[in-house]
Amino acid sequence: MQLATNGLLEIAFEHWFSIPYFYEKLTDGEPEAILIFEKIRELMNAEAAIP
């Protein structure tokens, strides 16, 4: 989570904030960004499977 300069609360995983242009890199298919996202997605799926 991060509080934006406009006062809005931004909720995303850490890499979205710490890696410049992470979303663009992900949508452009850059291997490093895809690998990071796949790991995060695995964690989210595992959390969702917990009753």
C-alpha atoms as a PDB file:
ATOM      1  CA  MET A   1       0.000   0.000   0.000  1.00  0.00           C
ATOM      2  CA  GLN A   2       1.077   3.513  -0.644  1.00  0.00           C
ATOM      3  CA  LEU A   3      -0.465   6.913  -0.080  1.00  0.00           C
ATOM      4  CA  ALA A   4      -0.320   8.916  -3.312  1.00  0.00           C
ATOM      5  CA  THR A   5       0.467  12.618  -3.364  1.00  0.00           C
ATOM      6  CA  ASN A   6      -3.191  13.289  -4.208  1.00  0.00           C
ATOM      7  CA  GLY A   7      -4.238  11.589  -0.960  1.00  0.00           C
ATOM      8  CA  LEU A   8      -5.550   8.393  -2.539  1.00  0.00           C
ATOM      9  CA  LEU A   9      -4.497   5.046  -1.144  1.00  0.00           C
ATOM     10  CA  GLU A  10      -2.859   2.875  -3.777  1.00  0.00           C
ATOM     11  CA  ILE A  11      -2.966  -0.870  -3.216  1.00  0.00           C
ATOM     12  CA  ALA A  12      -0.696  -3.107  -5.298  1.00  0.00           C
ATOM     13  CA  PHE A  13       2.163  -5.494  -4.805  1.00  0.00           C
ATOM     14  CA  GLU A  14       5.554  -3.975  -3.991  1.00  0.00           C
ATOM     15  CA  HIS A  15       7.096  -4.268  -7.453  1.00  0.00           C
ATOM     16  CA  TRP A  16       4.353  -2.125  -8.966  1.00  0.00           C
ATOM     17  CA  PHE A  17       5.705   0.793  -6.928  1.00  0.00           C
ATOM     18  CA  SER A  18       9.414  -0.019  -6.747  1.00  0.00           C
ATOM     19  CA  ILE A  19      10.170  -0.855 -10.401  1.00  0.00           C
ATOM     20  CA  PRO A  20       9.683   2.137 -12.706  1.00  0.00           C
ATOM     21  CA  TYR A  21       7.161   1.389 -15.465  1.00  0.00           C
ATOM     22  CA  PHE A  22       6.547  -2.143 -14.143  1.00  0.00           C
ATOM     23  CA  TYR A  23       3.067  -2.361 -15.684  1.00  0.00           C
ATOM     24  CA  GLU A  24       4.353  -1.245 -19.076  1.00  0.00           C
ATOM     25  CA  LYS A  25       7.189  -3.761 -18.872  1.00  0.00           C
ATOM     26  CA  LEU A  26       4.693  -6.477 -17.973  1.00  0.00           C
ATOM     27  CA  THR A  27       2.324  -5.650 -20.825  1.00  0.00           C
ATOM     28  CA  ASP A  28       5.263  -5.377 -23.229  1.00  0.00           C
ATOM     29  CA  GLY A  29       6.178  -8.948 -22.318  1.00  0.00           C
ATOM     30  CA  GLU A  30       9.534  -8.298 -20.681  1.00  0.00           C
ATOM     31  CA  PRO A  31      10.685 -11.635 -19.190  1.00  0.00           C
ATOM     32  CA  GLU A  32      11.738 -10.232 -15.788  1.00  0.00           C
ATOM     33  CA  ALA A  33       8.390  -8.506 -15.256  1.00  0.00           C
ATOM     34  CA  ILE A  34       6.500 -11.621 -16.329  1.00  0.00           C
ATOM     35  CA  LEU A  35       8.509 -13.791 -13.922  1.00  0.00           C
ATOM     36  CA  ILE A  36       7.792 -11.417 -11.028  1.00  0.00           C
ATOM     37  CA  PHE A  37       4.096 -11.312 -11.866  1.00  0.00           C
ATOM     38  CA  GLU A  38       3.873 -15.108 -12.148  1.00  0.00           C
ATOM     39  CA  LYS A  39       5.365 -15.476  -8.658  1.00  0.00           C
ATOM     40  CA  ILE A  40       2.936 -12.907  -7.236  1.00  0.00           C
ATOM     41  CA  ARG A  41       0.017 -14.608  -8.998  1.00  0.00           C
ATOM     42  CA  GLU A  42       1.023 -17.972  -7.482  1.00  0.00           C
ATOM     43  CA  LEU A  43       0.951 -16.392  -4.009  1.00  0.00           C
ATOM     44  CA  MET A  44      -2.443 -14.802  -4.629  1.00  0.00           C
ATOM     45  CA  ASN A  45      -3.874 -18.082  -5.922  1.00  0.00           C
ATOM     46  CA  ALA A  46      -2.521 -19.933  -2.893  1.00  0.00           C
ATOM     47  CA  GLU A  47      -4.116 -17.384  -0.558  1.00  0.00           C
ATOM     48  CA  ALA A  48      -7.419 -17.651  -2.397  1.00  0.00           C
ATOM     49  CA  ALA A  49      -7.401 -21.441  -1.954  1.00  0.00           C
ATOM     50  CA  ILE A  50      -7.262 -21.146   1.842  1.00  0.00           C
ATOM     51  CA  PRO A  51     -10.796 -21.507   3.240  1.00  0.00           C
END
